[in-house]
Structure formats: structure tokens, C-alpha cells
Amino acid sequence: MTDKTHHPDSHVLGVAEAKRRFSEPIDRVGEGEQFIVARHGKPEVALASPSEALT
């Protein structure tokens, strides 16, 4: 699904893939994983649990 080039614990998704499979990353974030959504290879959005995102 992803490569891990930004943060060792983050998976990187392209925008199209994130849109197509949005519920899967949301479920996996609930299990402690993190995702970066990239547009044209540039990180744009991070998906993380609220407790991690607000620290």
C-alpha cells in the first residue's frame, strides 16, 4: 500500500489512493499507525490519532 520515506512509523499514500481507500487508513490509525498523504510527492496531510496529533 505504501512506502515509508517520511517518518519511520508513517505510511505514505498518494491523494488518489487515500481517496479510494480512505476507510482503511482510518481503521489502521485507530490501531496506532500513521499516514502521510502526498500530492505530487510532497507531503500535504497527516493522518494520526487525535492524541498523537495534538501533542
PDB file of N, CA and C in Angstrom:
ATOM      1  N   MET A   1       0.814  -1.193   0.000  1.00  0.00           N
ATOM      2  CA  MET A   1       0.000   0.000   0.000  1.00  0.00           C
ATOM      3  C   MET A   1       0.853   1.250   0.000  1.00  0.00           C
ATOM      4  N   THR A   2       1.979   1.239   0.698  1.00  0.00           N
ATOM      5  CA  THR A   2       2.699   2.480   0.924  1.00  0.00           C
ATOM      6  C   THR A   2       4.194   2.248   0.963  1.00  0.00           C
ATOM      7  N   ASP A   3       4.933   3.333   0.966  1.00  0.00           N
ATOM      8  CA  ASP A   3       6.341   3.248   1.309  1.00  0.00           C
ATOM      9  C   ASP A   3       6.539   4.094   2.554  1.00  0.00           C
ATOM     10  N   LYS A   4       7.653   3.894   3.249  1.00  0.00           N
ATOM     11  CA  LYS A   4       7.895   4.608   4.497  1.00  0.00           C
ATOM     12  C   LYS A   4       9.099   5.528   4.329  1.00  0.00           C
ATOM     13  N   THR A   5       8.892   6.673   3.680  1.00  0.00           N
ATOM     14  CA  THR A   5      10.012   7.560   3.412  1.00  0.00           C
ATOM     15  C   THR A   5      10.043   8.798   4.296  1.00  0.00           C
ATOM     16  N   HIS A   6       8.986   9.122   5.001  1.00  0.00           N
ATOM     17  CA  HIS A   6       8.951  10.368   5.774  1.00  0.00           C
ATOM     18  C   HIS A   6       9.259  10.151   7.250  1.00  0.00           C
ATOM     19  N   HIS A   7       8.529   9.379   7.908  1.00  0.00           N
ATOM     20  CA  HIS A   7       8.715   9.075   9.323  1.00  0.00           C
ATOM     21  C   HIS A   7       8.717   7.560   9.424  1.00  0.00           C
ATOM     22  N   PRO A   8       9.593   6.992  10.217  1.00  0.00           N
ATOM     23  CA  PRO A   8       9.682   5.525  10.256  1.00  0.00           C
ATOM     24  C   PRO A   8       8.366   4.821  10.567  1.00  0.00           C
ATOM     25  N   ASP A   9       7.476   5.495  11.280  1.00  0.00           N
ATOM     26  CA  ASP A   9       6.208   4.871  11.647  1.00  0.00           C
ATOM     27  C   ASP A   9       5.047   5.320  10.764  1.00  0.00           C
ATOM     28  N   SER A  10       5.328   6.099   9.716  1.00  0.00           N
ATOM     29  CA  SER A  10       4.273   6.618   8.847  1.00  0.00           C
ATOM     30  C   SER A  10       4.279   5.933   7.496  1.00  0.00           C
ATOM     31  N   HIS A  11       3.103   5.667   6.992  1.00  0.00           N
ATOM     32  CA  HIS A  11       2.937   5.146   5.645  1.00  0.00           C
ATOM     33  C   HIS A  11       2.585   6.329   4.751  1.00  0.00           C
ATOM     34  N   VAL A  12       3.099   6.333   3.515  1.00  0.00           N
ATOM     35  CA  VAL A  12       2.819   7.422   2.593  1.00  0.00           C
ATOM     36  C   VAL A  12       1.843   6.949   1.530  1.00  0.00           C
ATOM     37  N   LEU A  13       0.763   7.715   1.363  1.00  0.00           N
ATOM     38  CA  LEU A  13      -0.257   7.435   0.352  1.00  0.00           C
ATOM     39  C   LEU A  13      -0.328   8.613  -0.609  1.00  0.00           C
ATOM     40  N   GLY A  14      -0.555   8.324  -1.873  1.00  0.00           N
ATOM     41  CA  GLY A  14      -0.889   9.394  -2.811  1.00  0.00           C
ATOM     42  C   GLY A  14      -2.329   9.817  -2.578  1.00  0.00           C
ATOM     43  N   VAL A  15      -2.681  11.000  -3.049  1.00  0.00           N
ATOM     44  CA  VAL A  15      -4.034  11.515  -2.858  1.00  0.00           C
ATOM     45  C   VAL A  15      -5.079  10.571  -3.448  1.00  0.00           C
ATOM     46  N   ALA A  16      -4.855  10.087  -4.659  1.00  0.00           N
ATOM     47  CA  ALA A  16      -5.844   9.200  -5.307  1.00  0.00           C
ATOM     48  C   ALA A  16      -6.039   7.916  -4.511  1.00  0.00           C
ATOM     49  N   GLU A  17      -4.941   7.337  -4.029  1.00  0.00           N
ATOM     50  CA  GLU A  17      -5.056   6.114  -3.240  1.00  0.00           C
ATOM     51  C   GLU A  17      -5.755   6.381  -1.915  1.00  0.00           C
ATOM     52  N   ALA A  18      -5.426   7.493  -1.259  1.00  0.00           N
ATOM     53  CA  ALA A  18      -6.071   7.838   0.003  1.00  0.00           C
ATOM     54  C   ALA A  18      -7.571   8.020  -0.189  1.00  0.00           C
ATOM     55  N   LYS A  19      -7.954   8.664  -1.277  1.00  0.00           N
ATOM     56  CA  LYS A  19      -9.370   8.879  -1.567  1.00  0.00           C
ATOM     57  C   LYS A  19     -10.085   7.558  -1.826  1.00  0.00           C
ATOM     58  N   ARG A  20      -9.449   6.700  -2.584  1.00  0.00           N
ATOM     59  CA  ARG A  20     -10.036   5.410  -2.949  1.00  0.00           C
ATOM     60  C   ARG A  20     -10.174   4.477  -1.742  1.00  0.00           C
ATOM     61  N   ARG A  21      -9.243   4.567  -0.793  1.00  0.00           N
ATOM     62  CA  ARG A  21      -9.202   3.606   0.313  1.00  0.00           C
ATOM     63  C   ARG A  21      -9.295   4.273   1.674  1.00  0.00           C
ATOM     64  N   PHE A  22     -10.008   5.400   1.772  1.00  0.00           N
ATOM     65  CA  PHE A  22      -9.973   6.234   2.972  1.00  0.00           C
ATOM     66  C   PHE A  22     -10.335   5.500   4.259  1.00  0.00           C
ATOM     67  N   SER A  23     -11.319   4.605   4.210  1.00  0.00           N
ATOM     68  CA  SER A  23     -11.733   3.943   5.447  1.00  0.00           C
ATOM     69  C   SER A  23     -10.642   3.013   5.995  1.00  0.00           C
ATOM     70  N   GLU A  24      -9.832   2.431   5.131  1.00  0.00           N
ATOM     71  CA  GLU A  24      -8.774   1.542   5.605  1.00  0.00           C
ATOM     72  C   GLU A  24      -7.730   2.283   6.442  1.00  0.00           C
ATOM     73  N   PRO A  25      -7.163   3.397   5.952  1.00  0.00           N
ATOM     74  CA  PRO A  25      -6.216   4.124   6.813  1.00  0.00           C
ATOM     75  C   PRO A  25      -6.844   4.618   8.114  1.00  0.00           C
ATOM     76  N   ILE A  26      -8.111   5.027   8.058  1.00  0.00           N
ATOM     77  CA  ILE A  26      -8.781   5.469   9.289  1.00  0.00           C
ATOM     78  C   ILE A  26      -8.825   4.328  10.303  1.00  0.00           C
ATOM     79  N   ASP A  27      -9.190   3.141   9.848  1.00  0.00           N
ATOM     80  CA  ASP A  27      -9.204   1.983  10.746  1.00  0.00           C
ATOM     81  C   ASP A  27      -7.813   1.700  11.293  1.00  0.00           C
ATOM     82  N   ARG A  28      -6.819   1.802  10.451  1.00  0.00           N
ATOM     83  CA  ARG A  28      -5.446   1.497  10.878  1.00  0.00           C
ATOM     84  C   ARG A  28      -4.885   2.571  11.805  1.00  0.00           C
ATOM     85  N   VAL A  29      -5.294   3.818  11.632  1.00  0.00           N
ATOM     86  CA  VAL A  29      -4.896   4.871  12.570  1.00  0.00           C
ATOM     87  C   VAL A  29      -5.430   4.534  13.958  1.00  0.00           C
ATOM     88  N   GLY A  30      -6.638   3.991  14.016  1.00  0.00           N
ATOM     89  CA  GLY A  30      -7.211   3.571  15.291  1.00  0.00           C
ATOM     90  C   GLY A  30      -6.415   2.469  15.961  1.00  0.00           C
ATOM     91  N   GLU A  31      -5.599   1.766  15.185  1.00  0.00           N
ATOM     92  CA  GLU A  31      -4.737   0.711  15.723  1.00  0.00           C
ATOM     93  C   GLU A  31      -3.314   1.208  15.979  1.00  0.00           C
ATOM     94  N   GLY A  32      -3.095   2.528  15.830  1.00  0.00           N
ATOM     95  CA  GLY A  32      -1.800   3.110  16.173  1.00  0.00           C
ATOM     96  C   GLY A  32      -0.901   3.476  15.005  1.00  0.00           C
ATOM     97  N   GLU A  33      -1.320   3.230  13.772  1.00  0.00           N
ATOM     98  CA  GLU A  33      -0.489   3.584  12.627  1.00  0.00           C
ATOM     99  C   GLU A  33      -0.685   5.047  12.248  1.00  0.00           C
ATOM    100  N   GLN A  34       0.246   5.583  11.476  1.00  0.00           N
ATOM    101  CA  GLN A  34       0.169   6.955  10.989  1.00  0.00           C
ATOM    102  C   GLN A  34       0.336   6.941   9.475  1.00  0.00           C
ATOM    103  N   PHE A  35      -0.295   7.895   8.810  1.00  0.00           N
ATOM    104  CA  PHE A  35      -0.215   8.004   7.363  1.00  0.00           C
ATOM    105  C   PHE A  35       0.076   9.440   6.966  1.00  0.00           C
ATOM    106  N   ILE A  36       0.835   9.589   5.908  1.00  0.00           N
ATOM    107  CA  ILE A  36       1.069  10.876   5.268  1.00  0.00           C
ATOM    108  C   ILE A  36       0.409  10.792   3.900  1.00  0.00           C
ATOM    109  N   VAL A  37      -0.392  11.791   3.551  1.00  0.00           N
ATOM    110  CA  VAL A  37      -0.987  11.865   2.218  1.00  0.00           C
ATOM    111  C   VAL A  37      -0.168  12.884   1.438  1.00  0.00           C
ATOM    112  N   ALA A  38       0.365  12.429   0.300  1.00  0.00           N
ATOM    113  CA  ALA A  38       1.231  13.275  -0.516  1.00  0.00           C
ATOM    114  C   ALA A  38       0.576  13.592  -1.852  1.00  0.00           C
ATOM    115  N   ARG A  39       0.800  14.816  -2.304  1.00  0.00           N
ATOM    116  CA  ARG A  39       0.336  15.250  -3.626  1.00  0.00           C
ATOM    117  C   ARG A  39       1.577  15.570  -4.457  1.00  0.00           C
ATOM    118  N   HIS A  40       1.713  14.877  -5.573  1.00  0.00           N
ATOM    119  CA  HIS A  40       2.886  15.055  -6.453  1.00  0.00           C
ATOM    120  C   HIS A  40       4.180  14.855  -5.668  1.00  0.00           C
ATOM    121  N   GLY A  41       4.166  13.876  -4.733  1.00  0.00           N
ATOM    122  CA  GLY A  41       5.347  13.548  -3.954  1.00  0.00           C
ATOM    123  C   GLY A  41       5.627  14.456  -2.780  1.00  0.00           C
ATOM    124  N   LYS A  42       4.804  15.486  -2.585  1.00  0.00           N
ATOM    125  CA  LYS A  42       5.003  16.433  -1.478  1.00  0.00           C
ATOM    126  C   LYS A  42       3.997  16.137  -0.371  1.00  0.00           C
ATOM    127  N   PRO A  43       4.459  15.916   0.865  1.00  0.00           N
ATOM    128  CA  PRO A  43       3.535  15.655   1.971  1.00  0.00           C
ATOM    129  C   PRO A  43       2.564  16.818   2.152  1.00  0.00           C
ATOM    130  N   GLU A  44       1.278  16.495   2.247  1.00  0.00           N
ATOM    131  CA  GLU A  44       0.242  17.522   2.399  1.00  0.00           C
ATOM    132  C   GLU A  44      -0.556  17.374   3.684  1.00  0.00           C
ATOM    133  N   VAL A  45      -0.854  16.125   4.072  1.00  0.00           N
ATOM    134  CA  VAL A  45      -1.743  15.879   5.209  1.00  0.00           C
ATOM    135  C   VAL A  45      -1.219  14.679   5.993  1.00  0.00           C
ATOM    136  N   ALA A  46      -1.336  14.757   7.314  1.00  0.00           N
ATOM    137  CA  ALA A  46      -1.003  13.625   8.169  1.00  0.00           C
ATOM    138  C   ALA A  46      -2.280  13.062   8.778  1.00  0.00           C
ATOM    139  N   LEU A  47      -2.388  11.749   8.773  1.00  0.00           N
ATOM    140  CA  LEU A  47      -3.490  11.070   9.460  1.00  0.00           C
ATOM    141  C   LEU A  47      -2.897  10.376  10.679  1.00  0.00           C
ATOM    142  N   ALA A  48      -3.321  10.805  11.852  1.00  0.00           N
ATOM    143  CA  ALA A  48      -2.822  10.250  13.106  1.00  0.00           C
ATOM    144  C   ALA A  48      -3.935  10.306  14.130  1.00  0.00           C
ATOM    145  N   SER A  49      -3.806   9.538  15.185  1.00  0.00           N
ATOM    146  CA  SER A  49      -4.828   9.577  16.222  1.00  0.00           C
ATOM    147  C   SER A  49      -4.837  10.971  16.859  1.00  0.00           C
ATOM    148  N   PRO A  50      -5.973  11.420  17.364  1.00  0.00           N
ATOM    149  CA  PRO A  50      -6.040  12.749  17.976  1.00  0.00           C
ATOM    150  C   PRO A  50      -5.016  12.937  19.091  1.00  0.00           C
ATOM    151  N   SER A  51      -4.768  11.910  19.875  1.00  0.00           N
ATOM    152  CA  SER A  51      -3.818  12.055  20.976  1.00  0.00           C
ATOM    153  C   SER A  51      -2.405  12.301  20.456  1.00  0.00           C
ATOM    154  N   GLU A  52      -2.041  11.721  19.317  1.00  0.00           N
ATOM    155  CA  GLU A  52      -0.727  11.960  18.738  1.00  0.00           C
ATOM    156  C   GLU A  52      -0.678  13.286  17.991  1.00  0.00           C
ATOM    157  N   ALA A  53      -1.749  13.644  17.330  1.00  0.00           N
ATOM    158  CA  ALA A  53      -1.772  14.866  16.532  1.00  0.00           C
ATOM    159  C   ALA A  53      -1.754  16.113  17.403  1.00  0.00           C
ATOM    160  N   LEU A  54      -2.252  16.026  18.605  1.00  0.00           N
ATOM    161  CA  LEU A  54      -2.361  17.203  19.469  1.00  0.00           C
ATOM    162  C   LEU A  54      -1.201  17.352  20.438  1.00  0.00           C
ATOM    163  N   THR A  55      -0.181  16.519  20.300  1.00  0.00           N
ATOM    164  CA  THR A  55       0.971  16.637  21.211  1.00  0.00           C
ATOM    165  C   THR A  55       2.100  17.401  20.592  1.00  0.00           C
TER     166      THR A  55
END
